[in-house]
Amino acid sequence: MIEVANLTKYFGKKCIFENYNNTFTAQKLCVEGKNGLGKTTLFTIIAGLDSFYSGHITLNGQQHAHLQSCVSLASDKIVFPEYLTAQQILTMTASSWQCTLPQQFITDLCFDAFLHTQVEDLSSGNLKKLQLINAVMRNTPYLILDEPSAALDKRGLDVVLEWICAYEGQVIISNHEPQPFLDIGFDSQPLKKV
């Protein structure tokens, strides 16, 4: 369970959240809302990647000084250095977080052939696969996937759906086409900021 309490976040003078409260209890949850509502911002805060806010994030009733140790995020907001190869990115993640490469997931996504490709040369679909692999390999109890099906072909989406079904932690996603996720048992919750 992820609880957000009294969250206030501004970008410059623009208020994104003001005293926002919400509890995400479903094991598999699709957060829905229009573009610009703040889904990605909320996800980066929950994942511990944005410290410029006030309020509290608790995981199963506990506050954590380092949310990144418990929450993995796959998002376009995480920018990989373009000059590195996919393999170098994944090796750095494995070293930093003391985890292993999810070789079967890589193979199932047909990503083996792109491991030695520089980030700048990856297609949008393969960049999405790299984001997903990079988040999944950390094997955290909370996984947040921002638009996980964007740019994926049907085979890639099927692999992601199958993997998510077997994932034991809590998974929260945003998606403009949520039906495939709803079909495998995801609950749906609109992002309401009132």
N, C-alpha and C. Protein backbone atom coordinates (compact mmCIF):
# COMPACT_ATOMS: atom_id res chain seq x y z
N MET A 1 0.84 -1.18 0.00
CA MET A 1 0.00 0.00 0.00
C MET A 1 0.88 1.25 0.00
N ILE A 2 0.57 2.17 -0.87
CA ILE A 2 1.28 3.44 -0.94
C ILE A 2 0.30 4.53 -0.51
N GLU A 3 0.73 5.33 0.46
CA GLU A 3 -0.11 6.43 0.93
C GLU A 3 0.59 7.75 0.70
N VAL A 4 -0.13 8.69 0.11
CA VAL A 4 0.37 10.03 -0.14
C VAL A 4 -0.41 10.96 0.77
N ALA A 5 0.30 11.73 1.60
CA ALA A 5 -0.37 12.60 2.57
C ALA A 5 0.12 14.04 2.45
N ASN A 6 -0.82 14.94 2.27
CA ASN A 6 -0.56 16.38 2.26
C ASN A 6 0.53 16.79 1.26
N LEU A 7 0.50 16.16 0.09
CA LEU A 7 1.50 16.45 -0.93
C LEU A 7 1.25 17.81 -1.57
N THR A 8 2.29 18.63 -1.57
CA THR A 8 2.25 19.91 -2.27
C THR A 8 3.48 19.98 -3.16
N LYS A 9 3.25 20.28 -4.44
CA LYS A 9 4.33 20.32 -5.42
C LYS A 9 4.08 21.46 -6.40
N TYR A 10 5.09 22.27 -6.61
CA TYR A 10 5.03 23.36 -7.58
C TYR A 10 6.13 23.19 -8.61
N PHE A 11 5.84 23.56 -9.85
CA PHE A 11 6.85 23.78 -10.88
C PHE A 11 6.87 25.27 -11.11
N GLY A 12 7.90 25.94 -10.62
CA GLY A 12 7.89 27.40 -10.69
C GLY A 12 6.71 27.91 -9.88
N LYS A 13 5.85 28.68 -10.53
CA LYS A 13 4.66 29.19 -9.85
C LYS A 13 3.43 28.32 -10.08
N LYS A 14 3.57 27.29 -10.91
CA LYS A 14 2.44 26.42 -11.23
C LYS A 14 2.27 25.35 -10.15
N CYS A 15 1.10 25.32 -9.56
CA CYS A 15 0.80 24.31 -8.54
C CYS A 15 0.37 23.01 -9.23
N ILE A 16 1.09 21.94 -8.97
CA ILE A 16 0.73 20.62 -9.51
C ILE A 16 -0.14 19.87 -8.50
N PHE A 17 0.26 19.89 -7.24
CA PHE A 17 -0.52 19.28 -6.16
C PHE A 17 -0.52 20.24 -4.97
N GLU A 18 -1.66 20.34 -4.30
CA GLU A 18 -1.73 21.13 -3.08
C GLU A 18 -2.51 20.35 -2.04
N ASN A 19 -1.80 19.96 -0.98
CA ASN A 19 -2.37 19.15 0.09
C ASN A 19 -3.13 17.95 -0.45
N TYR A 20 -2.49 17.26 -1.40
CA TYR A 20 -3.09 16.09 -2.06
C TYR A 20 -2.94 14.87 -1.16
N ASN A 21 -4.02 14.11 -1.02
CA ASN A 21 -4.02 12.89 -0.22
C ASN A 21 -4.62 11.75 -1.05
N ASN A 22 -3.99 10.60 -1.00
CA ASN A 22 -4.53 9.44 -1.69
C ASN A 22 -3.86 8.19 -1.14
N THR A 23 -4.59 7.09 -1.21
CA THR A 23 -4.05 5.80 -0.82
C THR A 23 -4.25 4.83 -1.97
N PHE A 24 -3.16 4.18 -2.36
CA PHE A 24 -3.20 3.21 -3.45
C PHE A 24 -3.04 1.82 -2.84
N THR A 25 -4.16 1.10 -2.74
CA THR A 25 -4.15 -0.18 -2.02
C THR A 25 -4.16 -1.39 -2.95
N ALA A 26 -4.67 -1.24 -4.16
CA ALA A 26 -4.78 -2.39 -5.07
C ALA A 26 -3.39 -2.93 -5.41
N GLN A 27 -3.29 -4.24 -5.49
CA GLN A 27 -2.03 -4.89 -5.84
C GLN A 27 -1.58 -4.52 -7.25
N LYS A 28 -2.55 -4.40 -8.16
CA LYS A 28 -2.28 -4.01 -9.55
C LYS A 28 -3.25 -2.86 -9.86
N LEU A 29 -2.72 -1.69 -10.16
CA LEU A 29 -3.56 -0.51 -10.28
C LEU A 29 -3.16 0.34 -11.48
N CYS A 30 -4.15 0.76 -12.25
CA CYS A 30 -3.95 1.70 -13.35
C CYS A 30 -4.51 3.04 -12.92
N VAL A 31 -3.62 4.03 -12.81
CA VAL A 31 -4.02 5.39 -12.47
C VAL A 31 -4.31 6.11 -13.78
N GLU A 32 -5.55 6.59 -13.91
CA GLU A 32 -5.96 7.23 -15.16
C GLU A 32 -6.18 8.72 -14.97
N GLY A 33 -5.97 9.46 -16.04
CA GLY A 33 -6.20 10.90 -16.02
C GLY A 33 -5.67 11.53 -17.28
N LYS A 34 -6.15 12.74 -17.54
CA LYS A 34 -5.75 13.47 -18.73
C LYS A 34 -4.26 13.82 -18.68
N ASN A 35 -3.67 14.06 -19.83
CA ASN A 35 -2.30 14.57 -19.88
C ASN A 35 -2.21 15.87 -19.11
N GLY A 36 -1.11 16.05 -18.41
CA GLY A 36 -0.88 17.28 -17.68
C GLY A 36 -1.49 17.33 -16.31
N LEU A 37 -2.13 16.26 -15.89
CA LEU A 37 -2.78 16.24 -14.58
C LEU A 37 -1.79 16.01 -13.44
N GLY A 38 -0.64 15.41 -13.75
CA GLY A 38 0.39 15.21 -12.73
C GLY A 38 0.73 13.76 -12.42
N LYS A 39 0.29 12.83 -13.28
CA LYS A 39 0.57 11.41 -13.01
C LYS A 39 2.07 11.13 -12.95
N THR A 40 2.80 11.59 -13.96
CA THR A 40 4.24 11.33 -14.00
C THR A 40 4.95 12.01 -12.84
N THR A 41 4.55 13.22 -12.52
CA THR A 41 5.13 13.93 -11.38
C THR A 41 4.88 13.15 -10.09
N LEU A 42 3.66 12.67 -9.91
CA LEU A 42 3.34 11.88 -8.73
C LEU A 42 4.21 10.63 -8.68
N PHE A 43 4.37 9.98 -9.82
CA PHE A 43 5.19 8.76 -9.87
C PHE A 43 6.65 9.03 -9.50
N THR A 44 7.22 10.13 -10.00
CA THR A 44 8.62 10.43 -9.68
C THR A 44 8.80 10.76 -8.20
N ILE A 45 7.78 11.37 -7.61
CA ILE A 45 7.84 11.66 -6.17
C ILE A 45 7.77 10.36 -5.37
N ILE A 46 6.82 9.48 -5.70
CA ILE A 46 6.69 8.21 -4.98
C ILE A 46 7.96 7.37 -5.12
N ALA A 47 8.60 7.46 -6.28
CA ALA A 47 9.82 6.67 -6.52
C ALA A 47 11.07 7.30 -5.89
N GLY A 48 10.90 8.46 -5.25
CA GLY A 48 12.04 9.09 -4.59
C GLY A 48 12.97 9.83 -5.53
N LEU A 49 12.51 10.15 -6.72
CA LEU A 49 13.35 10.83 -7.71
C LEU A 49 13.14 12.34 -7.72
N ASP A 50 12.21 12.83 -6.92
CA ASP A 50 11.92 14.26 -6.85
C ASP A 50 11.75 14.61 -5.38
N SER A 51 12.67 15.36 -4.85
CA SER A 51 12.61 15.72 -3.42
C SER A 51 12.05 17.11 -3.20
N PHE A 52 11.66 17.78 -4.27
CA PHE A 52 11.20 19.16 -4.15
C PHE A 52 9.68 19.22 -3.97
N TYR A 53 9.24 18.76 -2.82
CA TYR A 53 7.82 18.74 -2.49
C TYR A 53 7.69 18.76 -0.98
N SER A 54 6.51 19.01 -0.50
CA SER A 54 6.23 18.83 0.92
C SER A 54 5.13 17.79 1.06
N GLY A 55 5.09 17.15 2.19
CA GLY A 55 4.14 16.08 2.42
C GLY A 55 4.87 14.79 2.76
N HIS A 56 4.13 13.70 2.77
CA HIS A 56 4.72 12.41 3.17
C HIS A 56 4.27 11.30 2.24
N ILE A 57 5.20 10.39 1.97
CA ILE A 57 4.91 9.16 1.24
C ILE A 57 5.21 8.02 2.20
N THR A 58 4.24 7.15 2.40
CA THR A 58 4.49 5.98 3.24
C THR A 58 4.19 4.71 2.45
N LEU A 59 4.97 3.69 2.73
CA LEU A 59 4.84 2.38 2.10
C LEU A 59 4.45 1.38 3.18
N ASN A 60 3.26 0.83 3.07
CA ASN A 60 2.73 -0.06 4.11
C ASN A 60 2.82 0.56 5.50
N GLY A 61 2.49 1.85 5.57
CA GLY A 61 2.45 2.55 6.84
C GLY A 61 3.80 3.02 7.37
N GLN A 62 4.87 2.77 6.62
CA GLN A 62 6.21 3.15 7.06
C GLN A 62 6.79 4.24 6.16
N GLN A 63 7.41 5.24 6.78
CA GLN A 63 8.14 6.23 5.99
C GLN A 63 9.54 5.70 5.74
N HIS A 64 10.07 5.98 4.57
CA HIS A 64 11.40 5.51 4.20
C HIS A 64 12.25 6.72 3.81
N ALA A 65 13.44 6.78 4.37
CA ALA A 65 14.34 7.89 4.04
C ALA A 65 14.77 7.82 2.58
N HIS A 66 14.83 6.61 2.04
CA HIS A 66 15.28 6.43 0.66
C HIS A 66 14.22 5.60 -0.09
N LEU A 67 13.24 6.28 -0.65
CA LEU A 67 12.17 5.59 -1.38
C LEU A 67 12.71 4.77 -2.54
N GLN A 68 13.82 5.21 -3.15
CA GLN A 68 14.38 4.50 -4.30
C GLN A 68 14.77 3.07 -3.96
N SER A 69 15.04 2.80 -2.70
CA SER A 69 15.42 1.43 -2.33
C SER A 69 14.22 0.48 -2.34
N CYS A 70 13.00 1.03 -2.35
CA CYS A 70 11.79 0.21 -2.31
C CYS A 70 10.93 0.31 -3.57
N VAL A 71 11.13 1.38 -4.35
CA VAL A 71 10.26 1.66 -5.50
C VAL A 71 11.11 1.79 -6.76
N SER A 72 10.73 1.05 -7.79
CA SER A 72 11.37 1.17 -9.10
C SER A 72 10.41 1.88 -10.04
N LEU A 73 10.95 2.71 -10.92
CA LEU A 73 10.14 3.46 -11.86
C LEU A 73 10.68 3.27 -13.27
N ALA A 74 9.79 2.98 -14.21
CA ALA A 74 10.11 3.00 -15.63
C ALA A 74 9.34 4.16 -16.23
N SER A 75 10.06 5.14 -16.75
CA SER A 75 9.41 6.35 -17.25
C SER A 75 10.31 7.05 -18.25
N ASP A 76 9.69 7.78 -19.18
CA ASP A 76 10.45 8.61 -20.10
C ASP A 76 11.17 9.73 -19.38
N LYS A 77 10.77 10.03 -18.14
CA LYS A 77 11.41 11.09 -17.36
C LYS A 77 12.80 10.69 -16.87
N ILE A 78 13.08 9.39 -16.89
CA ILE A 78 14.42 8.92 -16.53
C ILE A 78 15.23 8.90 -17.82
N VAL A 79 16.16 9.82 -17.92
CA VAL A 79 16.92 9.98 -19.16
C VAL A 79 18.25 9.25 -19.01
N PHE A 80 18.50 8.31 -19.93
CA PHE A 80 19.76 7.58 -19.94
C PHE A 80 20.77 8.34 -20.79
N PRO A 81 22.05 8.32 -20.42
CA PRO A 81 23.06 8.98 -21.25
C PRO A 81 23.08 8.36 -22.65
N GLU A 82 22.96 9.20 -23.66
CA GLU A 82 22.81 8.73 -25.04
C GLU A 82 24.03 8.00 -25.57
N TYR A 83 25.21 8.30 -25.04
CA TYR A 83 26.45 7.72 -25.56
C TYR A 83 26.74 6.33 -24.99
N LEU A 84 25.97 5.90 -23.98
CA LEU A 84 26.17 4.57 -23.40
C LEU A 84 25.33 3.55 -24.15
N THR A 85 25.76 2.31 -24.10
CA THR A 85 24.97 1.24 -24.69
C THR A 85 23.94 0.77 -23.67
N ALA A 86 22.94 0.06 -24.15
CA ALA A 86 21.93 -0.51 -23.25
C ALA A 86 22.60 -1.43 -22.22
N GLN A 87 23.55 -2.22 -22.67
CA GLN A 87 24.27 -3.12 -21.75
C GLN A 87 24.98 -2.33 -20.66
N GLN A 88 25.60 -1.22 -21.01
CA GLN A 88 26.29 -0.41 -20.01
C GLN A 88 25.31 0.17 -18.99
N ILE A 89 24.15 0.59 -19.46
CA ILE A 89 23.12 1.11 -18.54
C ILE A 89 22.71 0.02 -17.56
N LEU A 90 22.41 -1.16 -18.08
CA LEU A 90 21.95 -2.25 -17.23
C LEU A 90 23.04 -2.74 -16.29
N THR A 91 24.29 -2.74 -16.75
CA THR A 91 25.41 -3.13 -15.89
C THR A 91 25.59 -2.15 -14.74
N MET A 92 25.42 -0.85 -15.03
CA MET A 92 25.52 0.15 -13.97
C MET A 92 24.41 -0.03 -12.94
N THR A 93 23.21 -0.32 -13.41
CA THR A 93 22.09 -0.55 -12.49
C THR A 93 22.37 -1.79 -11.63
N ALA A 94 22.85 -2.85 -12.28
CA ALA A 94 23.15 -4.09 -11.55
C ALA A 94 24.21 -3.84 -10.47
N SER A 95 25.22 -3.05 -10.80
CA SER A 95 26.29 -2.75 -9.85
C SER A 95 25.78 -1.85 -8.72
N SER A 96 25.04 -0.82 -9.06
CA SER A 96 24.56 0.13 -8.05
C SER A 96 23.57 -0.50 -7.08
N TRP A 97 22.69 -1.34 -7.59
CA TRP A 97 21.62 -1.88 -6.77
C TRP A 97 21.85 -3.34 -6.37
N GLN A 98 23.03 -3.87 -6.72
CA GLN A 98 23.36 -5.26 -6.35
C GLN A 98 22.26 -6.22 -6.78
N CYS A 99 21.95 -6.16 -8.07
CA CYS A 99 20.93 -7.05 -8.63
C CYS A 99 21.48 -7.69 -9.90
N THR A 100 20.76 -8.64 -10.42
CA THR A 100 21.23 -9.34 -11.61
C THR A 100 20.35 -8.99 -12.81
N LEU A 101 20.93 -9.16 -13.98
CA LEU A 101 20.18 -8.91 -15.21
C LEU A 101 19.05 -9.93 -15.33
N PRO A 102 17.85 -9.48 -15.68
CA PRO A 102 16.74 -10.41 -15.88
C PRO A 102 16.82 -11.01 -17.29
N GLN A 103 17.75 -11.93 -17.48
CA GLN A 103 18.06 -12.42 -18.82
C GLN A 103 16.84 -12.98 -19.55
N GLN A 104 15.99 -13.71 -18.84
CA GLN A 104 14.82 -14.27 -19.50
C GLN A 104 13.87 -13.17 -19.99
N PHE A 105 13.71 -12.13 -19.17
CA PHE A 105 12.87 -11.00 -19.56
C PHE A 105 13.47 -10.30 -20.78
N ILE A 106 14.78 -10.13 -20.79
CA ILE A 106 15.47 -9.51 -21.93
C ILE A 106 15.24 -10.34 -23.20
N THR A 107 15.40 -11.64 -23.08
CA THR A 107 15.21 -12.53 -24.22
C THR A 107 13.76 -12.53 -24.70
N ASP A 108 12.84 -12.63 -23.75
CA ASP A 108 11.42 -12.64 -24.11
C ASP A 108 11.00 -11.36 -24.83
N LEU A 109 11.63 -10.24 -24.46
CA LEU A 109 11.35 -8.96 -25.13
C LEU A 109 12.09 -8.80 -26.46
N CYS A 110 12.87 -9.83 -26.82
CA CYS A 110 13.68 -9.78 -28.05
C CYS A 110 14.64 -8.59 -28.02
N PHE A 111 15.22 -8.35 -26.86
CA PHE A 111 16.11 -7.21 -26.69
C PHE A 111 17.59 -7.59 -26.73
N ASP A 112 17.89 -8.87 -26.75
CA ASP A 112 19.30 -9.32 -26.75
C ASP A 112 20.11 -8.64 -27.86
N ALA A 113 19.51 -8.53 -29.04
CA ALA A 113 20.23 -7.98 -30.20
C ALA A 113 20.52 -6.49 -30.05
N PHE A 114 19.91 -5.83 -29.05
CA PHE A 114 20.08 -4.38 -28.91
C PHE A 114 20.90 -4.00 -27.69
N LEU A 115 21.42 -4.99 -26.97
CA LEU A 115 22.19 -4.70 -25.77
C LEU A 115 23.43 -3.86 -26.05
N HIS A 116 24.01 -4.01 -27.23
CA HIS A 116 25.24 -3.26 -27.54
C HIS A 116 24.96 -2.03 -28.41
N THR A 117 23.71 -1.63 -28.44
CA THR A 117 23.31 -0.43 -29.17
C THR A 117 23.34 0.77 -28.23
N GLN A 118 23.88 1.89 -28.72
CA GLN A 118 23.88 3.10 -27.91
C GLN A 118 22.45 3.59 -27.73
N VAL A 119 22.20 4.20 -26.59
CA VAL A 119 20.86 4.69 -26.27
C VAL A 119 20.34 5.61 -27.37
N GLU A 120 21.19 6.48 -27.90
CA GLU A 120 20.74 7.43 -28.92
C GLU A 120 20.27 6.73 -30.20
N ASP A 121 20.68 5.49 -30.40
CA ASP A 121 20.30 4.76 -31.61
C ASP A 121 19.15 3.79 -31.41
N LEU A 122 18.60 3.73 -30.20
CA LEU A 122 17.47 2.84 -29.94
C LEU A 122 16.18 3.46 -30.48
N SER A 123 15.34 2.62 -31.05
CA SER A 123 14.01 3.09 -31.46
C SER A 123 13.20 3.40 -30.20
N SER A 124 12.08 4.07 -30.36
CA SER A 124 11.25 4.39 -29.19
C SER A 124 10.76 3.11 -28.50
N GLY A 125 10.46 2.08 -29.28
CA GLY A 125 10.03 0.81 -28.70
C GLY A 125 11.14 0.15 -27.90
N ASN A 126 12.36 0.16 -28.43
CA ASN A 126 13.47 -0.45 -27.71
C ASN A 126 13.90 0.40 -26.51
N LEU A 127 13.74 1.70 -26.60
CA LEU A 127 14.02 2.55 -25.44
C LEU A 127 13.02 2.24 -24.32
N LYS A 128 11.77 2.02 -24.67
CA LYS A 128 10.76 1.64 -23.67
C LYS A 128 11.13 0.30 -23.04
N LYS A 129 11.59 -0.65 -23.85
CA LYS A 129 12.02 -1.95 -23.31
C LYS A 129 13.18 -1.77 -22.34
N LEU A 130 14.14 -0.91 -22.68
CA LEU A 130 15.28 -0.66 -21.78
C LEU A 130 14.78 -0.07 -20.46
N GLN A 131 13.85 0.87 -20.52
CA GLN A 131 13.29 1.45 -19.29
C GLN A 131 12.65 0.36 -18.43
N LEU A 132 11.87 -0.50 -19.05
CA LEU A 132 11.18 -1.57 -18.32
C LEU A 132 12.17 -2.56 -17.71
N ILE A 133 13.14 -3.00 -18.50
CA ILE A 133 14.15 -3.94 -18.00
C ILE A 133 14.91 -3.32 -16.83
N ASN A 134 15.29 -2.06 -16.97
CA ASN A 134 16.05 -1.36 -15.95
C ASN A 134 15.28 -1.26 -14.63
N ALA A 135 13.98 -1.06 -14.71
CA ALA A 135 13.16 -0.99 -13.49
C ALA A 135 12.90 -2.38 -12.91
N VAL A 136 12.55 -3.32 -13.76
CA VAL A 136 12.20 -4.67 -13.33
C VAL A 136 13.36 -5.36 -12.63
N MET A 137 14.56 -5.17 -13.12
CA MET A 137 15.71 -5.91 -12.59
C MET A 137 16.01 -5.59 -11.13
N ARG A 138 15.54 -4.46 -10.64
CA ARG A 138 15.81 -4.10 -9.25
C ARG A 138 14.95 -4.91 -8.27
N ASN A 139 13.88 -5.54 -8.78
CA ASN A 139 13.07 -6.46 -7.97
C ASN A 139 12.62 -5.85 -6.64
N THR A 140 12.11 -4.63 -6.72
CA THR A 140 11.63 -3.93 -5.53
C THR A 140 10.19 -4.35 -5.21
N PRO A 141 9.73 -4.10 -3.99
CA PRO A 141 8.36 -4.48 -3.65
C PRO A 141 7.30 -3.58 -4.31
N TYR A 142 7.73 -2.43 -4.84
CA TYR A 142 6.82 -1.51 -5.52
C TYR A 142 7.39 -1.19 -6.89
N LEU A 143 6.56 -1.31 -7.90
CA LEU A 143 6.99 -1.06 -9.27
C LEU A 143 6.00 -0.10 -9.92
N ILE A 144 6.52 1.01 -10.45
CA ILE A 144 5.66 2.00 -11.11
C ILE A 144 6.08 2.08 -12.57
N LEU A 145 5.11 1.88 -13.45
CA LEU A 145 5.36 1.89 -14.89
C LEU A 145 4.53 3.00 -15.53
N ASP A 146 5.23 4.01 -16.00
CA ASP A 146 4.59 5.16 -16.62
C ASP A 146 4.43 4.88 -18.11
N GLU A 147 3.20 4.67 -18.55
CA GLU A 147 2.89 4.34 -19.94
C GLU A 147 3.72 3.14 -20.44
N PRO A 148 3.60 1.98 -19.78
CA PRO A 148 4.46 0.85 -20.13
C PRO A 148 4.23 0.26 -21.51
N SER A 149 3.07 0.49 -22.10
CA SER A 149 2.81 -0.09 -23.43
C SER A 149 3.12 0.86 -24.57
N ALA A 150 3.48 2.09 -24.24
CA ALA A 150 3.77 3.08 -25.29
C ALA A 150 4.92 2.60 -26.16
N ALA A 151 4.71 2.58 -27.45
CA ALA A 151 5.72 2.23 -28.46
C ALA A 151 6.05 0.75 -28.52
N LEU A 152 5.39 -0.09 -27.71
CA LEU A 152 5.66 -1.53 -27.76
C LEU A 152 4.81 -2.18 -28.84
N ASP A 153 5.38 -3.18 -29.50
CA ASP A 153 4.58 -3.98 -30.43
C ASP A 153 3.76 -4.99 -29.62
N LYS A 154 2.89 -5.73 -30.29
CA LYS A 154 2.01 -6.66 -29.59
C LYS A 154 2.79 -7.71 -28.80
N ARG A 155 3.85 -8.25 -29.41
CA ARG A 155 4.65 -9.25 -28.70
C ARG A 155 5.26 -8.67 -27.44
N GLY A 156 5.81 -7.46 -27.53
CA GLY A 156 6.40 -6.81 -26.37
C GLY A 156 5.37 -6.58 -25.27
N LEU A 157 4.18 -6.12 -25.68
CA LEU A 157 3.12 -5.89 -24.71
C LEU A 157 2.70 -7.20 -24.04
N ASP A 158 2.58 -8.27 -24.83
CA ASP A 158 2.21 -9.57 -24.27
C ASP A 158 3.23 -10.04 -23.23
N VAL A 159 4.50 -9.83 -23.51
CA VAL A 159 5.56 -10.22 -22.57
C VAL A 159 5.43 -9.42 -21.28
N VAL A 160 5.23 -8.11 -21.42
CA VAL A 160 5.10 -7.26 -20.24
C VAL A 160 3.87 -7.66 -19.42
N LEU A 161 2.75 -7.93 -20.08
CA LEU A 161 1.54 -8.34 -19.36
C LEU A 161 1.76 -9.66 -18.62
N GLU A 162 2.42 -10.60 -19.28
CA GLU A 162 2.69 -11.89 -18.64
C GLU A 162 3.59 -11.72 -17.43
N TRP A 163 4.62 -10.89 -17.59
CA TRP A 163 5.54 -10.68 -16.49
C TRP A 163 4.83 -10.01 -15.31
N ILE A 164 4.01 -8.99 -15.60
CA ILE A 164 3.29 -8.28 -14.54
C ILE A 164 2.36 -9.22 -13.78
N CYS A 165 1.73 -10.15 -14.49
CA CYS A 165 0.84 -11.12 -13.82
C CYS A 165 1.59 -11.92 -12.76
N ALA A 166 2.85 -12.22 -13.01
CA ALA A 166 3.64 -13.03 -12.10
C ALA A 166 4.34 -12.20 -11.01
N TYR A 167 4.37 -10.90 -11.16
CA TYR A 167 5.08 -10.02 -10.22
C TYR A 167 4.36 -10.02 -8.88
N GLU A 168 5.09 -10.22 -7.80
CA GLU A 168 4.49 -10.37 -6.48
C GLU A 168 4.29 -9.06 -5.74
N GLY A 169 5.00 -8.01 -6.14
CA GLY A 169 4.85 -6.73 -5.46
C GLY A 169 3.68 -5.94 -6.00
N GLN A 170 3.55 -4.71 -5.51
CA GLN A 170 2.50 -3.83 -5.99
C GLN A 170 2.96 -3.16 -7.28
N VAL A 171 2.08 -3.13 -8.29
CA VAL A 171 2.38 -2.50 -9.57
C VAL A 171 1.36 -1.39 -9.80
N ILE A 172 1.87 -0.20 -10.06
CA ILE A 172 1.02 0.94 -10.41
C ILE A 172 1.45 1.42 -11.78
N ILE A 173 0.49 1.62 -12.66
CA ILE A 173 0.80 2.09 -14.00
C ILE A 173 -0.08 3.30 -14.34
N SER A 174 0.36 4.03 -15.35
CA SER A 174 -0.53 4.97 -16.04
C SER A 174 -0.58 4.46 -17.47
N ASN A 175 -1.71 4.65 -18.12
CA ASN A 175 -1.81 4.17 -19.49
C ASN A 175 -3.00 4.82 -20.18
N HIS A 176 -2.76 5.31 -21.39
CA HIS A 176 -3.85 5.90 -22.16
C HIS A 176 -4.72 4.85 -22.83
N GLU A 177 -4.22 3.63 -22.91
CA GLU A 177 -4.99 2.51 -23.44
C GLU A 177 -4.95 1.38 -22.41
N PRO A 178 -5.72 1.51 -21.33
CA PRO A 178 -5.58 0.60 -20.20
C PRO A 178 -6.22 -0.78 -20.37
N GLN A 179 -7.01 -0.98 -21.42
CA GLN A 179 -7.81 -2.20 -21.51
C GLN A 179 -6.99 -3.49 -21.36
N PRO A 180 -5.83 -3.63 -22.03
CA PRO A 180 -5.08 -4.88 -21.83
C PRO A 180 -4.71 -5.14 -20.37
N PHE A 181 -4.47 -4.08 -19.61
CA PHE A 181 -4.13 -4.22 -18.20
C PHE A 181 -5.37 -4.52 -17.36
N LEU A 182 -6.48 -3.89 -17.72
CA LEU A 182 -7.73 -4.18 -17.02
C LEU A 182 -8.14 -5.63 -17.27
N ASP A 183 -7.85 -6.14 -18.46
CA ASP A 183 -8.19 -7.53 -18.81
C ASP A 183 -7.43 -8.55 -17.97
N ILE A 184 -6.27 -8.17 -17.42
CA ILE A 184 -5.51 -9.12 -16.60
C ILE A 184 -5.69 -8.83 -15.11
N GLY A 185 -6.70 -8.02 -14.77
CA GLY A 185 -7.05 -7.86 -13.37
C GLY A 185 -6.63 -6.56 -12.71
N PHE A 186 -6.13 -5.61 -13.46
CA PHE A 186 -5.79 -4.32 -12.85
C PHE A 186 -7.06 -3.59 -12.43
N ASP A 187 -7.01 -2.96 -11.28
CA ASP A 187 -8.06 -2.03 -10.88
C ASP A 187 -7.76 -0.69 -11.55
N SER A 188 -8.78 0.13 -11.68
CA SER A 188 -8.62 1.44 -12.28
C SER A 188 -9.00 2.51 -11.26
N GLN A 189 -8.18 3.56 -11.22
CA GLN A 189 -8.46 4.64 -10.29
C GLN A 189 -8.12 5.96 -10.97
N PRO A 190 -9.09 6.87 -11.09
CA PRO A 190 -8.76 8.17 -11.67
C PRO A 190 -7.92 8.99 -10.71
N LEU A 191 -7.01 9.78 -11.26
CA LEU A 191 -6.22 10.68 -10.44
C LEU A 191 -7.07 11.92 -10.18
N LYS A 192 -7.53 12.04 -8.95
CA LYS A 192 -8.34 13.18 -8.54
C LYS A 192 -7.52 14.03 -7.60
N LYS A 193 -7.51 15.31 -7.87
CA LYS A 193 -6.70 16.21 -7.04
C LYS A 193 -7.56 17.09 -6.15
N VAL A 194 -8.78 16.67 -5.87
CA VAL A 194 -9.66 17.48 -5.01
C VAL A 194 -9.73 16.86 -3.63
